[in-house]
Amino acid sequence: MNIKPLGERVVIKRLEAEETTKSGIVLTGAAKEQPQEAEVIAVGPGAIVDGKRIEMEVKIGDKILYSKYAGTEVKVSGEEYTILKQEDILAIVE
């Protein structure tokens, strides 16, 4: 099953949380902080403003940083995704 976002929405898949700290301490499941880095899985066609389509700034495969409490989490075919608006994306990681 594919997810096709509408308007200026983006489907992302969160990258895995760090298992250890930089100093080498192993974190338990409860201590891991949710990552704010993700990979773009699908991109909507863009918003329409004053009758003109505004192109999306991200594309499939981009690694991004997004706002901490942004988006809606969904589960499709056993996989967890987040759908959020493009405005909730803070940066593209290069």
N, C-alpha and C. Protein backbone atom coordinates (compact mmCIF):
# COMPACT_ATOMS: atom_id res chain seq x y z
N MET A 1 0.83 -1.18 0.00
CA MET A 1 0.00 0.00 0.00
C MET A 1 0.89 1.25 0.00
N ASN A 2 0.59 2.19 -0.87
CA ASN A 2 1.32 3.45 -0.94
C ASN A 2 0.53 4.56 -0.27
N ILE A 3 1.23 5.52 0.29
CA ILE A 3 0.59 6.69 0.87
C ILE A 3 0.89 7.86 -0.05
N LYS A 4 -0.14 8.54 -0.51
CA LYS A 4 0.04 9.70 -1.38
C LYS A 4 -0.48 10.93 -0.64
N PRO A 5 0.42 11.77 -0.13
CA PRO A 5 -0.01 12.94 0.62
C PRO A 5 -0.65 13.99 -0.29
N LEU A 6 -1.56 14.77 0.28
CA LEU A 6 -2.26 15.82 -0.46
C LEU A 6 -1.67 17.19 -0.11
N GLY A 7 -1.82 18.13 -1.02
CA GLY A 7 -1.39 19.51 -0.78
C GLY A 7 0.09 19.60 -0.45
N GLU A 8 0.39 20.35 0.60
CA GLU A 8 1.78 20.57 0.98
C GLU A 8 2.23 19.63 2.10
N ARG A 9 1.71 18.43 2.10
CA ARG A 9 2.06 17.46 3.13
C ARG A 9 3.16 16.52 2.64
N VAL A 10 3.88 15.97 3.61
CA VAL A 10 5.02 15.09 3.35
C VAL A 10 4.89 13.87 4.26
N VAL A 11 5.19 12.70 3.73
CA VAL A 11 5.23 11.48 4.54
C VAL A 11 6.69 11.19 4.84
N ILE A 12 6.99 11.01 6.13
CA ILE A 12 8.37 10.74 6.54
C ILE A 12 8.43 9.47 7.37
N LYS A 13 9.62 8.89 7.41
CA LYS A 13 9.88 7.73 8.27
C LYS A 13 11.04 8.13 9.17
N ARG A 14 10.77 8.09 10.47
CA ARG A 14 11.79 8.49 11.44
C ARG A 14 12.99 7.58 11.38
N LEU A 15 14.17 8.16 11.54
CA LEU A 15 15.39 7.37 11.65
C LEU A 15 15.46 6.82 13.06
N GLU A 16 16.16 5.73 13.24
CA GLU A 16 16.23 5.07 14.54
C GLU A 16 16.92 5.95 15.57
N ALA A 17 16.46 5.88 16.81
CA ALA A 17 17.05 6.62 17.92
C ALA A 17 18.43 6.03 18.23
N GLU A 18 19.28 6.88 18.75
CA GLU A 18 20.62 6.44 19.12
C GLU A 18 20.56 5.41 20.24
N GLU A 19 21.34 4.36 20.10
CA GLU A 19 21.40 3.30 21.11
C GLU A 19 22.38 3.65 22.23
N THR A 20 23.41 4.44 21.89
CA THR A 20 24.42 4.81 22.88
C THR A 20 24.68 6.31 22.80
N THR A 21 25.19 6.86 23.89
CA THR A 21 25.57 8.27 23.90
C THR A 21 26.95 8.41 23.27
N LYS A 22 27.39 9.65 23.07
CA LYS A 22 28.72 9.87 22.50
C LYS A 22 29.82 9.33 23.41
N SER A 23 29.54 9.29 24.72
CA SER A 23 30.53 8.78 25.66
C SER A 23 30.49 7.26 25.80
N GLY A 24 29.53 6.60 25.12
CA GLY A 24 29.48 5.14 25.11
C GLY A 24 28.48 4.52 26.06
N ILE A 25 27.67 5.31 26.72
CA ILE A 25 26.67 4.77 27.63
C ILE A 25 25.51 4.21 26.82
N VAL A 26 25.13 2.97 27.10
CA VAL A 26 24.03 2.32 26.38
C VAL A 26 22.71 2.80 26.98
N LEU A 27 21.79 3.25 26.12
CA LEU A 27 20.50 3.76 26.57
C LEU A 27 19.44 2.68 26.53
N THR A 28 18.55 2.68 27.52
CA THR A 28 17.42 1.76 27.51
C THR A 28 16.33 2.37 26.64
N GLY A 29 15.29 1.60 26.34
CA GLY A 29 14.20 2.07 25.49
C GLY A 29 13.54 3.33 26.01
N ALA A 30 13.33 3.43 27.33
CA ALA A 30 12.67 4.59 27.90
C ALA A 30 13.55 5.83 27.88
N ALA A 31 14.85 5.65 27.90
CA ALA A 31 15.77 6.79 27.95
C ALA A 31 16.05 7.39 26.58
N LYS A 32 15.74 6.65 25.53
CA LYS A 32 16.01 7.15 24.18
C LYS A 32 15.08 8.30 23.85
N GLU A 33 15.65 9.36 23.33
CA GLU A 33 14.83 10.49 22.90
C GLU A 33 14.38 10.24 21.47
N GLN A 34 13.13 10.60 21.18
CA GLN A 34 12.62 10.42 19.81
C GLN A 34 13.47 11.27 18.87
N PRO A 35 13.94 10.69 17.79
CA PRO A 35 14.76 11.46 16.86
C PRO A 35 13.92 12.50 16.12
N GLN A 36 14.54 13.59 15.74
CA GLN A 36 13.87 14.61 14.95
C GLN A 36 14.42 14.59 13.52
N GLU A 37 15.09 13.51 13.18
CA GLU A 37 15.65 13.35 11.85
C GLU A 37 14.87 12.22 11.16
N ALA A 38 14.58 12.42 9.89
CA ALA A 38 13.77 11.44 9.17
C ALA A 38 14.13 11.45 7.69
N GLU A 39 13.60 10.43 7.00
CA GLU A 39 13.75 10.35 5.55
C GLU A 39 12.39 10.59 4.92
N VAL A 40 12.38 11.38 3.84
CA VAL A 40 11.14 11.67 3.13
C VAL A 40 10.77 10.46 2.28
N ILE A 41 9.54 9.95 2.49
CA ILE A 41 9.04 8.78 1.78
C ILE A 41 8.15 9.17 0.61
N ALA A 42 7.31 10.21 0.80
CA ALA A 42 6.40 10.67 -0.26
C ALA A 42 6.16 12.16 -0.08
N VAL A 43 5.89 12.84 -1.20
CA VAL A 43 5.70 14.29 -1.20
C VAL A 43 4.42 14.62 -1.96
N GLY A 44 3.63 15.52 -1.38
CA GLY A 44 2.41 15.98 -2.04
C GLY A 44 2.74 16.90 -3.22
N PRO A 45 1.72 17.30 -3.97
CA PRO A 45 1.94 18.13 -5.16
C PRO A 45 2.27 19.58 -4.83
N GLY A 46 2.03 20.02 -3.62
CA GLY A 46 2.30 21.41 -3.24
C GLY A 46 1.01 22.17 -3.03
N ALA A 47 1.12 23.31 -2.37
CA ALA A 47 -0.05 24.13 -2.06
C ALA A 47 -0.43 24.99 -3.26
N ILE A 48 -1.69 25.41 -3.27
CA ILE A 48 -2.15 26.35 -4.29
C ILE A 48 -2.44 27.67 -3.59
N VAL A 49 -1.73 28.72 -3.99
CA VAL A 49 -1.89 30.05 -3.41
C VAL A 49 -2.22 31.02 -4.54
N ASP A 50 -3.35 31.70 -4.41
CA ASP A 50 -3.80 32.65 -5.44
C ASP A 50 -3.86 32.01 -6.83
N GLY A 51 -4.27 30.75 -6.87
CA GLY A 51 -4.42 30.05 -8.14
C GLY A 51 -3.13 29.51 -8.72
N LYS A 52 -2.00 29.69 -8.04
CA LYS A 52 -0.71 29.20 -8.54
C LYS A 52 -0.19 28.11 -7.60
N ARG A 53 0.33 27.06 -8.18
CA ARG A 53 0.87 25.96 -7.37
C ARG A 53 2.27 26.33 -6.89
N ILE A 54 2.47 26.17 -5.59
CA ILE A 54 3.77 26.40 -4.97
C ILE A 54 4.49 25.05 -4.90
N GLU A 55 5.64 24.95 -5.55
CA GLU A 55 6.38 23.69 -5.61
C GLU A 55 6.95 23.31 -4.24
N MET A 56 7.08 22.03 -4.01
CA MET A 56 7.64 21.53 -2.77
C MET A 56 9.16 21.69 -2.78
N GLU A 57 9.73 21.96 -1.61
CA GLU A 57 11.18 22.16 -1.51
C GLU A 57 11.93 20.87 -1.18
N VAL A 58 11.21 19.83 -0.77
CA VAL A 58 11.84 18.55 -0.47
C VAL A 58 11.44 17.52 -1.51
N LYS A 59 12.23 16.47 -1.61
CA LYS A 59 11.91 15.40 -2.55
C LYS A 59 12.11 14.05 -1.85
N ILE A 60 11.60 13.02 -2.46
CA ILE A 60 11.72 11.67 -1.90
C ILE A 60 13.20 11.32 -1.73
N GLY A 61 13.52 10.77 -0.57
CA GLY A 61 14.90 10.38 -0.28
C GLY A 61 15.68 11.40 0.52
N ASP A 62 15.19 12.64 0.62
CA ASP A 62 15.88 13.66 1.41
C ASP A 62 15.88 13.28 2.88
N LYS A 63 16.96 13.58 3.57
CA LYS A 63 17.03 13.45 5.02
C LYS A 63 16.71 14.83 5.58
N ILE A 64 15.80 14.88 6.54
CA ILE A 64 15.34 16.18 7.05
C ILE A 64 15.37 16.23 8.57
N LEU A 65 15.31 17.46 9.10
CA LEU A 65 15.08 17.72 10.51
C LEU A 65 13.73 18.38 10.59
N TYR A 66 12.90 17.97 11.56
CA TYR A 66 11.55 18.52 11.66
C TYR A 66 11.23 18.91 13.09
N SER A 67 10.20 19.73 13.26
CA SER A 67 9.78 20.20 14.58
C SER A 67 9.44 19.03 15.48
N LYS A 68 9.73 19.18 16.75
CA LYS A 68 9.60 18.09 17.72
C LYS A 68 8.20 17.50 17.82
N TYR A 69 7.16 18.32 17.84
CA TYR A 69 5.80 17.82 18.02
C TYR A 69 4.97 17.92 16.75
N ALA A 70 5.60 17.93 15.61
CA ALA A 70 4.91 18.11 14.34
C ALA A 70 4.32 16.81 13.82
N GLY A 71 3.25 16.94 13.05
CA GLY A 71 2.71 15.83 12.29
C GLY A 71 1.79 14.89 13.04
N THR A 72 1.30 13.93 12.26
CA THR A 72 0.40 12.90 12.75
C THR A 72 1.04 11.55 12.46
N GLU A 73 1.16 10.72 13.48
CA GLU A 73 1.74 9.40 13.30
C GLU A 73 0.67 8.44 12.80
N VAL A 74 1.03 7.64 11.78
CA VAL A 74 0.12 6.65 11.22
C VAL A 74 0.88 5.33 11.07
N LYS A 75 0.11 4.24 11.07
CA LYS A 75 0.70 2.92 10.87
C LYS A 75 0.04 2.31 9.65
N VAL A 76 0.85 1.96 8.64
CA VAL A 76 0.35 1.39 7.39
C VAL A 76 1.16 0.14 7.09
N SER A 77 0.47 -0.98 6.92
CA SER A 77 1.10 -2.27 6.62
C SER A 77 2.21 -2.60 7.62
N GLY A 78 1.98 -2.29 8.89
CA GLY A 78 2.94 -2.61 9.93
C GLY A 78 4.09 -1.63 10.07
N GLU A 79 4.18 -0.64 9.21
CA GLU A 79 5.25 0.36 9.26
C GLU A 79 4.70 1.66 9.85
N GLU A 80 5.51 2.34 10.64
CA GLU A 80 5.10 3.61 11.23
C GLU A 80 5.65 4.78 10.42
N TYR A 81 4.76 5.71 10.10
CA TYR A 81 5.11 6.91 9.34
C TYR A 81 4.56 8.13 10.06
N THR A 82 5.04 9.30 9.68
CA THR A 82 4.49 10.56 10.17
C THR A 82 4.14 11.40 8.95
N ILE A 83 2.95 11.99 8.97
CA ILE A 83 2.54 12.90 7.91
C ILE A 83 2.55 14.30 8.49
N LEU A 84 3.29 15.21 7.86
CA LEU A 84 3.38 16.58 8.35
C LEU A 84 3.37 17.57 7.21
N LYS A 85 3.14 18.82 7.53
CA LYS A 85 3.16 19.88 6.52
C LYS A 85 4.60 20.29 6.26
N GLN A 86 4.85 20.76 5.05
CA GLN A 86 6.18 21.18 4.69
C GLN A 86 6.72 22.27 5.63
N GLU A 87 5.84 23.12 6.13
CA GLU A 87 6.27 24.21 7.02
C GLU A 87 6.84 23.69 8.34
N ASP A 88 6.57 22.42 8.71
CA ASP A 88 7.12 21.84 9.92
C ASP A 88 8.52 21.26 9.71
N ILE A 89 9.01 21.28 8.47
CA ILE A 89 10.36 20.81 8.18
C ILE A 89 11.30 21.98 8.40
N LEU A 90 12.32 21.74 9.24
CA LEU A 90 13.25 22.81 9.61
C LEU A 90 14.44 22.90 8.66
N ALA A 91 14.91 21.75 8.18
CA ALA A 91 16.12 21.76 7.33
C ALA A 91 16.26 20.45 6.59
N ILE A 92 17.04 20.49 5.51
CA ILE A 92 17.44 19.29 4.78
C ILE A 92 18.87 19.00 5.19
N VAL A 93 19.14 17.76 5.59
CA VAL A 93 20.47 17.37 6.01
C VAL A 93 21.23 16.88 4.79
N GLU A 94 22.38 17.50 4.54
CA GLU A 94 23.18 17.12 3.36
C GLU A 94 24.44 16.39 3.76
